[in-house]
Amino acid sequence: MVGPGLDRLSVAVSSPLRQVALLGGSFDPVHLGHVALAQAALKQLPIDALWWVPVGQPWQKERALTPAPHRVAMLELTIGRDPRQRIETCEIERAGPTYTVDTLRSLVSRHPGVVWHLLLGWDQFVNLPSWKQWAEVVSRVRLAVVPRPGAAAALPPELQGLPVTHLLMAPWDVSSTALRADAAQGRGILDRVSAPVARYIAEHGLYSTRPPSQELNGHP
């Protein structure tokens, strides 16, 4: 897909990078909780850039995702013109189930010398040992996690003592499932998504009973 952010993305790719944070997810839709996490990382981590990584075919989700062009378009609206942020589309371009270890192998190969940080919510962090080759994932990144008060005591034994940076941010209790349901019923979602994303969802009829088109502005 050729999107409005192509020139900005090209500049970001050609610029020298030393430390990059990766924020992965289905982003279906991208919401203000994601934005808060991205901003916390940009402020608190020693990174040069933050890359949003929309998932292709998540191996831990059974439902069908909104077509990737729409999810990428909503991310472009969210990022705007911030030169520190870009969208990495390797997962939606790769066939088959999406695994973080494959993404990291690809990025390390294409961008040698970069120090990678992986941003995780608490539930993702606790679930980390279930990921494909999770020990390799941990070996390739520095972990940055949003802690949950009082939850550290319940960490699986494999994760105890693992080096982790705790990101400080106000809690955002946002459910993408509830967002999609509210959008489908025409209920307000502006308290959880940005105005441009809310307009995009309404204009394209996302999350209605009719499946969204696979095409966007003439591009597959």
Protein backbone atom coordinates (compact mmCIF):
# COMPACT_ATOMS: atom_id res chain seq x y z
CA MET A 1 0.00 0.00 0.00
CA VAL A 2 1.27 3.45 -0.86
CA GLY A 3 0.19 5.75 1.94
CA PRO A 4 0.54 9.45 2.68
CA GLY A 5 3.42 8.76 5.03
CA LEU A 6 5.68 7.14 2.40
CA ASP A 7 8.11 10.05 2.08
CA ARG A 8 8.41 10.34 5.86
CA LEU A 9 9.01 6.62 6.20
CA SER A 10 11.73 6.70 3.54
CA VAL A 11 13.54 9.47 5.42
CA ALA A 12 13.28 7.51 8.67
CA VAL A 13 14.72 4.37 7.07
CA SER A 14 17.66 6.20 5.52
CA SER A 15 18.58 8.03 8.73
CA PRO A 16 21.18 6.48 11.04
CA LEU A 17 19.58 4.57 13.89
CA ARG A 18 21.14 3.45 17.14
CA GLN A 19 18.26 2.44 19.40
CA VAL A 20 14.72 1.64 18.29
CA ALA A 21 11.63 0.63 20.28
CA LEU A 22 9.14 -1.80 18.74
CA LEU A 23 5.44 -1.57 19.58
CA GLY A 24 3.56 -4.50 18.11
CA GLY A 25 -0.13 -5.30 18.06
CA SER A 26 -3.18 -5.83 15.92
CA PHE A 27 -4.12 -2.13 16.32
CA ASP A 28 -7.69 -3.02 15.46
CA PRO A 29 -8.22 -0.17 16.11
CA VAL A 30 -5.24 1.77 17.43
CA HIS A 31 -6.42 3.54 20.59
CA LEU A 32 -5.27 6.11 23.12
CA GLY A 33 -3.79 3.44 25.37
CA HIS A 34 -1.38 2.55 22.56
CA VAL A 35 -0.58 6.23 22.09
CA ALA A 36 0.13 6.68 25.80
CA LEU A 37 2.50 3.71 25.75
CA ALA A 38 4.33 5.08 22.71
CA GLN A 39 4.72 8.50 24.30
CA ALA A 40 5.96 7.00 27.57
CA ALA A 41 8.59 5.04 25.66
CA LEU A 42 9.73 8.07 23.66
CA LYS A 43 10.12 10.08 26.85
CA GLN A 44 11.65 7.47 29.14
CA LEU A 45 13.80 5.21 26.96
CA PRO A 46 17.13 6.16 25.33
CA ILE A 47 15.73 5.57 21.84
CA ASP A 48 16.07 7.39 18.54
CA ALA A 49 12.82 6.09 17.09
CA LEU A 50 9.70 4.07 17.77
CA TRP A 51 8.36 1.66 15.17
CA TRP A 52 4.76 0.49 15.21
CA VAL A 53 4.52 -3.13 14.01
CA PRO A 54 0.99 -4.14 12.95
CA VAL A 55 0.56 -7.89 13.17
CA GLY A 56 -0.21 -9.96 10.10
CA GLN A 57 -1.81 -13.24 11.18
CA PRO A 58 -1.52 -13.46 14.98
CA TRP A 59 -1.07 -17.04 16.11
CA GLN A 60 -2.84 -16.42 19.42
CA LYS A 61 -5.99 -14.83 17.93
CA GLU A 62 -8.80 -16.74 16.25
CA ARG A 63 -10.90 -13.85 14.96
CA ALA A 64 -10.26 -12.34 11.56
CA LEU A 65 -8.57 -8.95 11.72
CA THR A 66 -9.65 -5.85 9.85
CA PRO A 67 -7.73 -5.78 6.53
CA ALA A 68 -4.19 -4.50 6.99
CA PRO A 69 -4.55 -1.40 4.76
CA HIS A 70 -7.18 0.00 7.12
CA ARG A 71 -5.12 -0.73 10.22
CA VAL A 72 -2.06 0.87 8.65
CA ALA A 73 -4.10 3.91 7.59
CA MET A 74 -5.33 4.38 11.17
CA LEU A 75 -1.73 4.15 12.39
CA GLU A 76 -0.67 6.80 9.88
CA LEU A 77 -3.38 9.11 11.22
CA THR A 78 -2.19 8.44 14.75
CA ILE A 79 1.52 9.07 14.08
CA GLY A 80 1.00 12.17 11.98
CA ARG A 81 4.26 13.89 11.07
CA ASP A 82 6.34 12.88 14.09
CA PRO A 83 9.75 12.02 12.55
CA ARG A 84 10.59 9.75 15.48
CA GLN A 85 7.81 7.31 14.62
CA ARG A 86 7.17 5.04 11.64
CA ILE A 87 5.27 1.93 10.68
CA GLU A 88 7.17 -1.32 10.08
CA THR A 89 5.07 -3.54 7.80
CA CYS A 90 7.20 -6.70 7.70
CA GLU A 91 4.62 -8.75 9.62
CA ILE A 92 1.69 -7.93 7.35
CA GLU A 93 3.87 -8.62 4.32
CA ARG A 94 4.98 -12.03 5.58
CA ALA A 95 2.77 -15.05 4.87
CA GLY A 96 1.68 -17.43 7.60
CA PRO A 97 1.30 -16.95 11.36
CA THR A 98 3.12 -13.98 12.86
CA TYR A 99 5.88 -14.71 15.36
CA THR A 100 7.96 -12.01 17.03
CA VAL A 101 11.12 -14.08 16.76
CA ASP A 102 10.83 -14.06 12.95
CA THR A 103 10.30 -10.30 12.97
CA LEU A 104 13.38 -9.74 15.11
CA ARG A 105 15.52 -11.97 12.92
CA SER A 106 14.45 -9.96 9.88
CA LEU A 107 15.05 -6.59 11.53
CA VAL A 108 18.45 -7.56 12.95
CA SER A 109 19.52 -8.75 9.51
CA ARG A 110 18.31 -5.59 7.75
CA HIS A 111 19.51 -3.11 10.39
CA PRO A 112 22.78 -4.37 11.87
CA GLY A 113 24.08 -2.52 14.90
CA VAL A 114 20.71 -1.29 16.13
CA VAL A 115 19.78 -1.89 19.78
CA TRP A 116 16.16 -3.04 19.89
CA HIS A 117 13.69 -2.38 22.69
CA LEU A 118 10.44 -4.36 22.85
CA LEU A 119 7.44 -2.63 24.45
CA LEU A 120 5.00 -4.88 26.29
CA GLY A 121 1.91 -4.49 28.38
CA TRP A 122 1.86 -6.47 31.60
CA ASP A 123 -0.36 -9.25 30.25
CA GLN A 124 1.92 -9.68 27.23
CA PHE A 125 4.96 -9.81 29.48
CA VAL A 126 3.46 -12.48 31.75
CA ASN A 127 2.54 -14.51 28.66
CA LEU A 128 6.04 -14.23 27.18
CA PRO A 129 7.13 -17.82 27.98
CA SER A 130 4.35 -19.10 25.67
CA TRP A 131 5.83 -17.28 22.67
CA LYS A 132 7.70 -19.17 19.97
CA GLN A 133 11.40 -19.35 20.94
CA TRP A 134 10.84 -16.72 23.59
CA ALA A 135 14.37 -17.04 24.99
CA GLU A 136 15.76 -15.92 21.63
CA VAL A 137 13.32 -13.01 21.60
CA VAL A 138 14.59 -11.89 25.01
CA SER A 139 18.20 -12.27 23.89
CA ARG A 140 17.67 -9.91 20.96
CA VAL A 141 15.91 -7.03 22.74
CA ARG A 142 15.78 -4.91 25.84
CA LEU A 143 12.37 -5.31 27.44
CA ALA A 144 10.28 -2.31 28.47
CA VAL A 145 7.12 -3.20 30.37
CA VAL A 146 4.17 -1.31 31.79
CA PRO A 147 3.91 -2.72 35.33
CA ARG A 148 0.67 -3.52 37.07
CA PRO A 149 0.58 -2.64 40.79
CA GLY A 150 0.94 -5.72 42.95
CA ALA A 151 1.22 -8.13 40.00
CA ALA A 152 4.99 -8.70 40.09
CA ALA A 153 4.65 -11.35 42.78
CA ALA A 154 2.71 -13.55 40.34
CA LEU A 155 5.41 -13.61 37.69
CA PRO A 156 6.19 -17.02 36.18
CA PRO A 157 9.52 -18.42 37.47
CA GLU A 158 11.09 -18.03 34.01
CA LEU A 159 10.61 -14.27 34.11
CA GLN A 160 11.78 -13.60 37.65
CA GLY A 161 15.06 -11.73 37.63
CA LEU A 162 14.82 -10.89 33.93
CA PRO A 163 16.24 -7.40 33.18
CA VAL A 164 13.25 -5.15 32.49
CA THR A 165 12.70 -1.40 32.26
CA HIS A 166 9.43 -0.36 33.88
CA LEU A 167 7.65 2.39 31.98
CA LEU A 168 5.78 4.89 34.12
CA MET A 169 2.38 5.88 32.74
CA ALA A 170 -1.16 6.40 33.92
CA PRO A 171 -3.29 3.26 33.55
CA TRP A 172 -5.44 2.99 30.43
CA ASP A 173 -8.18 0.40 30.74
CA VAL A 174 -9.10 0.24 27.06
CA SER A 175 -10.63 -2.85 25.47
CA SER A 176 -10.35 -3.12 21.70
CA THR A 177 -13.21 -5.63 21.81
CA ALA A 178 -15.46 -3.08 23.51
CA LEU A 179 -14.29 -0.38 21.11
CA ARG A 180 -15.28 -2.45 18.09
CA ALA A 181 -18.64 -3.29 19.64
CA ASP A 182 -19.38 0.34 20.46
CA ALA A 183 -18.36 1.49 16.96
CA ALA A 184 -20.63 -1.16 15.43
CA GLN A 185 -23.56 0.16 17.48
CA GLY A 186 -22.82 3.80 16.72
CA ARG A 187 -21.88 4.56 20.32
CA GLY A 188 -19.24 7.18 21.12
CA ILE A 189 -15.60 6.12 21.08
CA LEU A 190 -13.86 9.52 21.18
CA ASP A 191 -12.87 8.91 24.80
CA ARG A 192 -10.68 6.01 23.64
CA VAL A 193 -9.46 6.83 20.11
CA SER A 194 -8.24 10.02 18.47
CA ALA A 195 -10.67 12.15 16.45
CA PRO A 196 -9.01 11.29 13.09
CA VAL A 197 -9.22 7.57 13.84
CA ALA A 198 -12.86 7.87 14.94
CA ARG A 199 -13.70 9.67 11.69
CA TYR A 200 -11.86 7.04 9.67
CA ILE A 201 -13.78 4.22 11.36
CA ALA A 202 -17.10 5.95 10.65
CA GLU A 203 -16.26 6.89 7.06
CA HIS A 204 -15.16 3.37 6.14
CA GLY A 205 -17.81 1.54 8.11
CA LEU A 206 -15.27 -0.44 10.07
CA TYR A 207 -16.59 -2.88 12.67
CA SER A 208 -20.07 -2.87 11.16
CA THR A 209 -21.76 -6.15 10.24
CA ARG A 210 -20.59 -5.69 6.64
CA PRO A 211 -16.94 -6.71 6.19
CA PRO A 212 -14.71 -3.75 5.22
CA SER A 213 -13.29 -3.64 1.72
CA GLN A 214 -9.90 -5.21 1.12
CA GLU A 215 -8.99 -2.19 -0.99
CA LEU A 216 -8.19 1.33 0.13
CA ASN A 217 -7.96 4.28 -2.27
CA GLY A 218 -7.44 1.90 -5.16
CA HIS A 219 -4.50 0.06 -3.56
CA PRO A 220 -4.72 -3.55 -2.37
